[in-house]
C-alpha cells in the first residue's frame, strides 16, 4: 500500500511539473512551434495532414507578438521596414515569427517547399 501511494505521488508530481512547463511557454514560442509542426507535417505526411493539425495559437495572437517586437522601436519604424532598425537578435525573432505565421496560413516558402517535396 505504501508503494502505491508513493507511485501516485510521483505521478502527480510529474503531471504538475509538465503542466507548469507548458504554461511557461510564451505565445511567441507557441506560434513558432505551430509553424514548425505544420512544416514538418507537410514534409513527412503531406499538406492534408498539415491542414488537419490543430493549432495552439490563433493568427491574431501571433500578429500581436509581432507587434510587440516592432513596438520596441517606436517611431523609428515609421515609413520603414521595421527590420531595418532592429537589433540582429530581434530581427531573427521577427523573421522566424513571420515564417511561422505564413506556415500557419499554409503559404510561404518553407511550407510550400515542404508540401511540394514531401516524403512519400
N, C-alpha and C. Protein backbone atom coordinates (compact mmCIF):
# COMPACT_ATOMS: atom_id res chain seq x y z
N UNK A 1 0.82 -1.19 0.00
CA UNK A 1 0.00 0.00 0.00
C UNK A 1 0.87 1.26 0.00
N UNK A 2 1.95 1.19 0.75
CA UNK A 2 2.83 2.35 0.83
C UNK A 2 3.48 2.65 -0.52
N UNK A 3 3.85 1.61 -1.26
CA UNK A 3 4.46 1.82 -2.57
C UNK A 3 3.47 2.43 -3.55
N UNK A 4 2.26 2.00 -3.47
CA UNK A 4 1.25 2.54 -4.36
C UNK A 4 1.05 4.04 -4.12
N UNK A 5 1.07 4.45 -2.88
CA UNK A 5 0.91 5.87 -2.54
C UNK A 5 2.09 6.67 -3.06
N UNK A 6 3.29 6.16 -2.91
CA UNK A 6 4.47 6.87 -3.40
C UNK A 6 4.45 6.97 -4.92
N UNK A 7 4.01 5.91 -5.58
CA UNK A 7 3.92 5.94 -7.03
C UNK A 7 2.89 6.97 -7.47
N UNK A 8 1.77 7.04 -6.78
CA UNK A 8 0.73 8.01 -7.12
C UNK A 8 1.23 9.43 -6.90
N UNK A 9 1.96 9.66 -5.84
CA UNK A 9 2.52 10.99 -5.57
C UNK A 9 3.53 11.37 -6.65
N UNK A 10 4.35 10.42 -7.03
CA UNK A 10 5.34 10.68 -8.07
C UNK A 10 4.65 11.01 -9.39
N UNK A 11 3.63 10.25 -9.74
CA UNK A 11 2.90 10.50 -10.99
C UNK A 11 2.23 11.88 -10.95
N UNK A 12 1.67 12.24 -9.82
CA UNK A 12 1.03 13.55 -9.69
C UNK A 12 2.06 14.67 -9.81
N UNK A 13 3.24 14.47 -9.22
CA UNK A 13 4.28 15.49 -9.29
C UNK A 13 4.75 15.68 -10.74
N UNK A 14 4.89 14.59 -11.47
CA UNK A 14 5.30 14.68 -12.87
C UNK A 14 4.23 15.40 -13.69
N UNK A 15 2.98 15.11 -13.42
CA UNK A 15 1.89 15.76 -14.14
C UNK A 15 1.86 17.26 -13.87
N UNK A 16 2.04 17.65 -12.62
CA UNK A 16 2.05 19.07 -12.26
C UNK A 16 3.24 19.76 -12.90
N UNK A 17 4.40 19.12 -12.88
CA UNK A 17 5.59 19.72 -13.49
C UNK A 17 5.40 19.92 -14.98
N UNK A 18 4.83 18.95 -15.66
CA UNK A 18 4.64 19.08 -17.12
C UNK A 18 3.62 20.16 -17.44
N UNK A 19 2.58 20.31 -16.63
CA UNK A 19 1.61 21.38 -16.85
C UNK A 19 2.25 22.74 -16.64
N UNK A 20 3.09 22.86 -15.62
CA UNK A 20 3.78 24.13 -15.38
C UNK A 20 4.75 24.45 -16.51
N UNK A 21 5.42 23.44 -17.04
CA UNK A 21 6.36 23.67 -18.14
C UNK A 21 5.61 24.15 -19.38
N UNK A 22 4.42 23.60 -19.63
CA UNK A 22 3.64 24.04 -20.77
C UNK A 22 3.11 25.45 -20.57
N UNK A 23 2.74 25.78 -19.34
CA UNK A 23 2.21 27.12 -19.07
C UNK A 23 3.30 28.18 -19.17
N UNK A 24 4.56 27.78 -18.98
CA UNK A 24 5.66 28.73 -19.02
C UNK A 24 6.02 29.15 -20.44
N UNK A 25 5.56 28.41 -21.45
CA UNK A 25 5.85 28.76 -22.83
C UNK A 25 5.13 30.04 -23.20
N UNK A 26 5.82 30.92 -23.88
CA UNK A 26 5.21 32.18 -24.28
C UNK A 26 4.40 31.99 -25.56
N UNK A 27 3.59 32.98 -25.87
CA UNK A 27 2.81 32.94 -27.11
C UNK A 27 3.74 32.89 -28.32
N UNK A 28 4.87 33.60 -28.22
CA UNK A 28 5.86 33.57 -29.31
C UNK A 28 6.32 32.14 -29.56
N UNK A 29 6.70 31.44 -28.48
CA UNK A 29 7.17 30.07 -28.62
C UNK A 29 6.09 29.15 -29.19
N UNK A 30 4.85 29.35 -28.76
CA UNK A 30 3.76 28.52 -29.27
C UNK A 30 3.49 28.79 -30.75
N UNK A 31 3.58 30.05 -31.16
CA UNK A 31 3.39 30.39 -32.58
C UNK A 31 4.47 29.74 -33.44
N UNK A 32 5.71 29.85 -32.98
CA UNK A 32 6.82 29.26 -33.73
C UNK A 32 6.70 27.74 -33.75
N UNK A 33 6.28 27.16 -32.63
CA UNK A 33 6.11 25.70 -32.58
C UNK A 33 5.02 25.24 -33.53
N UNK A 34 3.92 26.00 -33.60
CA UNK A 34 2.86 25.66 -34.56
C UNK A 34 3.38 25.68 -35.99
N UNK A 35 4.10 26.74 -36.34
CA UNK A 35 4.65 26.85 -37.69
C UNK A 35 5.60 25.72 -38.01
N UNK A 36 6.49 25.41 -37.07
CA UNK A 36 7.45 24.32 -37.29
C UNK A 36 6.74 22.97 -37.43
N UNK A 37 5.73 22.74 -36.61
CA UNK A 37 4.99 21.48 -36.68
C UNK A 37 4.26 21.34 -38.01
N UNK A 38 3.67 22.42 -38.47
CA UNK A 38 2.95 22.39 -39.75
C UNK A 38 3.91 22.10 -40.90
N UNK A 39 5.09 22.72 -40.86
CA UNK A 39 6.08 22.47 -41.91
C UNK A 39 6.58 21.02 -41.86
N UNK A 40 6.83 20.50 -40.66
CA UNK A 40 7.28 19.11 -40.53
C UNK A 40 6.21 18.13 -41.01
N UNK A 41 4.95 18.40 -40.65
CA UNK A 41 3.87 17.53 -41.11
C UNK A 41 3.72 17.58 -42.63
N UNK A 42 3.85 18.76 -43.20
CA UNK A 42 3.75 18.87 -44.66
C UNK A 42 4.87 18.11 -45.34
N UNK A 43 6.04 18.09 -44.72
CA UNK A 43 7.18 17.40 -45.30
C UNK A 43 7.10 15.89 -45.15
N UNK A 44 6.54 15.43 -44.03
CA UNK A 44 6.51 13.98 -43.79
C UNK A 44 5.22 13.30 -44.22
N UNK A 45 4.08 14.02 -44.06
CA UNK A 45 2.79 13.38 -44.34
C UNK A 45 1.96 14.08 -45.40
N UNK A 46 2.43 15.22 -45.88
CA UNK A 46 1.71 15.93 -46.93
C UNK A 46 0.88 17.09 -46.40
N UNK A 47 0.36 17.87 -47.32
CA UNK A 47 -0.36 19.08 -46.95
C UNK A 47 -1.70 18.79 -46.27
N UNK A 48 -2.32 17.67 -46.58
CA UNK A 48 -3.59 17.33 -45.93
C UNK A 48 -3.40 17.12 -44.44
N UNK A 49 -2.32 16.45 -44.06
CA UNK A 49 -2.03 16.24 -42.64
C UNK A 49 -1.68 17.56 -41.96
N UNK A 50 -0.98 18.43 -42.67
CA UNK A 50 -0.62 19.73 -42.09
C UNK A 50 -1.88 20.56 -41.85
N UNK A 51 -2.81 20.52 -42.76
CA UNK A 51 -4.05 21.29 -42.60
C UNK A 51 -4.94 20.69 -41.51
N UNK A 52 -4.80 19.42 -41.23
CA UNK A 52 -5.60 18.76 -40.20
C UNK A 52 -5.06 19.02 -38.79
N UNK A 53 -3.85 19.52 -38.69
CA UNK A 53 -3.23 19.78 -37.39
C UNK A 53 -3.99 20.87 -36.64
N UNK A 54 -4.30 20.62 -35.37
CA UNK A 54 -4.99 21.61 -34.54
C UNK A 54 -3.96 22.56 -33.94
N UNK A 55 -4.01 23.80 -34.34
CA UNK A 55 -3.02 24.80 -33.91
C UNK A 55 -3.31 25.28 -32.49
N UNK A 56 -2.23 25.58 -31.76
CA UNK A 56 -2.35 26.00 -30.36
C UNK A 56 -2.64 27.49 -30.23
N UNK A 57 -2.30 28.26 -31.26
CA UNK A 57 -2.50 29.70 -31.20
C UNK A 57 -3.25 30.17 -32.45
N UNK A 58 -3.81 31.36 -32.33
CA UNK A 58 -4.52 31.94 -33.47
C UNK A 58 -3.59 32.92 -34.19
N UNK A 59 -3.98 33.29 -35.37
CA UNK A 59 -3.19 34.27 -36.12
C UNK A 59 -3.18 35.62 -35.41
N UNK A 60 -4.27 35.99 -34.79
CA UNK A 60 -4.35 37.27 -34.07
C UNK A 60 -3.31 37.31 -32.95
N UNK A 61 -3.18 36.21 -32.22
CA UNK A 61 -2.19 36.15 -31.14
C UNK A 61 -0.77 36.27 -31.70
N UNK A 62 -0.53 35.62 -32.82
CA UNK A 62 0.81 35.67 -33.42
C UNK A 62 1.12 37.06 -33.96
N UNK A 63 0.13 37.71 -34.59
CA UNK A 63 0.35 39.07 -35.05
C UNK A 63 0.55 40.02 -33.87
N UNK A 64 -0.07 39.73 -32.75
CA UNK A 64 0.15 40.52 -31.54
C UNK A 64 1.59 40.41 -31.06
N UNK A 65 2.14 39.21 -31.13
CA UNK A 65 3.55 39.01 -30.76
C UNK A 65 4.47 39.76 -31.72
N UNK A 66 4.10 39.78 -32.97
CA UNK A 66 4.87 40.51 -33.97
C UNK A 66 4.85 42.01 -33.66
N UNK A 67 3.69 42.49 -33.27
CA UNK A 67 3.57 43.91 -32.91
C UNK A 67 4.38 44.26 -31.68
N UNK A 68 4.47 43.32 -30.74
CA UNK A 68 5.28 43.56 -29.53
C UNK A 68 6.75 43.77 -29.89
N UNK A 69 7.24 42.95 -30.82
CA UNK A 69 8.64 43.10 -31.23
C UNK A 69 8.84 44.44 -31.91
N UNK A 70 7.91 44.81 -32.79
CA UNK A 70 8.02 46.07 -33.51
C UNK A 70 7.83 47.28 -32.60
N UNK A 71 7.04 47.13 -31.53
CA UNK A 71 6.76 48.25 -30.63
C UNK A 71 8.00 48.72 -29.88
N UNK A 72 8.99 47.88 -29.74
CA UNK A 72 10.23 48.27 -29.06
C UNK A 72 10.92 49.44 -29.76
N UNK A 73 10.67 49.58 -31.05
CA UNK A 73 11.40 50.56 -31.85
C UNK A 73 10.59 51.81 -32.15
N UNK A 74 9.34 51.85 -31.71
CA UNK A 74 8.51 53.05 -31.77
C UNK A 74 8.51 53.77 -33.10
N UNK A 75 8.82 55.08 -33.05
CA UNK A 75 8.75 55.94 -34.24
C UNK A 75 9.87 55.69 -35.23
N UNK A 76 10.86 54.91 -34.86
CA UNK A 76 11.95 54.63 -35.80
C UNK A 76 11.46 53.83 -37.01
N UNK A 77 10.33 53.15 -36.85
CA UNK A 77 9.84 52.29 -37.93
C UNK A 77 8.84 52.98 -38.85
N UNK A 78 8.54 54.24 -38.59
CA UNK A 78 7.58 54.96 -39.43
C UNK A 78 8.16 55.10 -40.84
N UNK A 79 7.40 54.66 -41.83
CA UNK A 79 7.79 54.70 -43.25
C UNK A 79 9.04 53.90 -43.54
N UNK A 80 9.30 52.87 -42.74
CA UNK A 80 10.45 52.00 -42.95
C UNK A 80 10.06 50.55 -42.67
N UNK A 81 10.84 49.68 -43.21
CA UNK A 81 10.70 48.29 -42.84
C UNK A 81 11.23 48.15 -41.42
N UNK A 82 10.44 47.62 -40.49
CA UNK A 82 10.90 47.54 -39.10
C UNK A 82 12.23 46.79 -38.92
N UNK A 83 12.49 45.83 -39.79
CA UNK A 83 13.73 45.06 -39.64
C UNK A 83 14.98 45.90 -39.90
N UNK A 84 14.82 47.04 -40.57
CA UNK A 84 15.98 47.87 -40.88
C UNK A 84 16.53 48.58 -39.65
N UNK A 85 15.75 48.70 -38.59
CA UNK A 85 16.22 49.38 -37.39
C UNK A 85 16.37 48.43 -36.20
N UNK A 86 16.05 47.16 -36.38
CA UNK A 86 16.10 46.18 -35.28
C UNK A 86 17.52 45.69 -35.02
N UNK A 87 17.71 45.19 -33.80
CA UNK A 87 18.96 44.51 -33.49
C UNK A 87 18.95 43.16 -34.21
N UNK A 88 20.10 42.57 -34.43
CA UNK A 88 20.13 41.27 -35.11
C UNK A 88 19.30 40.19 -34.40
N UNK A 89 19.29 40.22 -33.07
CA UNK A 89 18.52 39.22 -32.32
C UNK A 89 17.02 39.40 -32.54
N UNK A 90 16.56 40.66 -32.47
CA UNK A 90 15.14 40.91 -32.71
C UNK A 90 14.76 40.64 -34.15
N UNK A 91 15.65 40.95 -35.07
CA UNK A 91 15.38 40.70 -36.49
C UNK A 91 15.21 39.20 -36.74
N UNK A 92 16.04 38.38 -36.10
CA UNK A 92 15.93 36.93 -36.28
C UNK A 92 14.61 36.41 -35.69
N UNK A 93 14.23 36.90 -34.51
CA UNK A 93 12.95 36.50 -33.90
C UNK A 93 11.78 36.94 -34.78
N UNK A 94 11.85 38.17 -35.28
CA UNK A 94 10.81 38.74 -36.11
C UNK A 94 10.63 37.92 -37.40
N UNK A 95 11.74 37.59 -38.05
CA UNK A 95 11.69 36.82 -39.29
C UNK A 95 11.16 35.41 -39.05
N UNK A 96 11.59 34.78 -37.95
CA UNK A 96 11.12 33.44 -37.62
C UNK A 96 9.62 33.44 -37.37
N UNK A 97 9.14 34.48 -36.69
CA UNK A 97 7.71 34.59 -36.42
C UNK A 97 6.93 34.83 -37.71
N UNK A 98 7.47 35.62 -38.62
CA UNK A 98 6.82 35.84 -39.91
C UNK A 98 6.71 34.51 -40.68
N UNK A 99 7.77 33.71 -40.69
CA UNK A 99 7.73 32.41 -41.37
C UNK A 99 6.68 31.51 -40.73
N UNK A 100 6.58 31.56 -39.41
CA UNK A 100 5.59 30.73 -38.71
C UNK A 100 4.17 31.18 -39.03
N UNK A 101 3.96 32.48 -39.10
CA UNK A 101 2.63 33.00 -39.45
C UNK A 101 2.26 32.57 -40.87
N UNK A 102 3.21 32.62 -41.78
CA UNK A 102 2.95 32.16 -43.15
C UNK A 102 2.62 30.67 -43.17
N UNK A 103 3.35 29.88 -42.40
CA UNK A 103 3.09 28.44 -42.35
C UNK A 103 1.72 28.16 -41.74
N UNK A 104 1.32 28.93 -40.74
CA UNK A 104 0.01 28.75 -40.13
C UNK A 104 -1.12 29.05 -41.12
N UNK A 105 -0.81 29.84 -42.13
CA UNK A 105 -1.79 30.15 -43.18
C UNK A 105 -1.58 29.27 -44.41
N UNK A 106 -0.69 28.29 -44.31
CA UNK A 106 -0.39 27.34 -45.38
C UNK A 106 0.14 28.04 -46.63
N UNK A 107 1.06 28.93 -46.41
CA UNK A 107 1.73 29.62 -47.51
C UNK A 107 3.14 29.96 -47.05
N UNK A 108 3.90 30.59 -47.89
CA UNK A 108 5.27 30.93 -47.57
C UNK A 108 6.22 29.86 -48.09
N UNK A 109 7.44 30.26 -48.36
CA UNK A 109 8.42 29.36 -48.98
C UNK A 109 8.69 28.09 -48.19
N UNK A 110 8.96 28.15 -46.87
CA UNK A 110 9.25 26.90 -46.15
C UNK A 110 8.10 25.89 -46.22
N UNK A 111 6.87 26.37 -46.05
CA UNK A 111 5.72 25.47 -46.10
C UNK A 111 5.52 24.91 -47.50
N UNK A 112 5.55 25.76 -48.49
CA UNK A 112 5.29 25.31 -49.86
C UNK A 112 6.35 24.32 -50.34
N UNK A 113 7.60 24.55 -49.98
CA UNK A 113 8.64 23.59 -50.35
C UNK A 113 8.44 22.27 -49.62
N UNK A 114 8.08 22.33 -48.34
CA UNK A 114 7.86 21.10 -47.58
C UNK A 114 6.69 20.31 -48.16
N UNK A 115 5.64 21.00 -48.53
CA UNK A 115 4.46 20.32 -49.08
C UNK A 115 4.75 19.75 -50.47
N UNK A 116 5.51 20.47 -51.26
CA UNK A 116 5.81 20.03 -52.63
C UNK A 116 6.76 18.82 -52.63
N UNK A 117 7.76 18.86 -51.77
CA UNK A 117 8.77 17.81 -51.74
C UNK A 117 8.56 16.81 -50.62
N UNK A 118 7.32 16.61 -50.16
CA UNK A 118 7.12 15.75 -49.02
C UNK A 118 7.53 14.32 -49.31
N UNK A 119 8.01 13.64 -48.25
CA UNK A 119 8.50 12.26 -48.36
C UNK A 119 7.31 11.31 -48.40
N UNK A 120 7.15 10.62 -49.51
CA UNK A 120 6.03 9.68 -49.65
C UNK A 120 6.38 8.34 -49.06
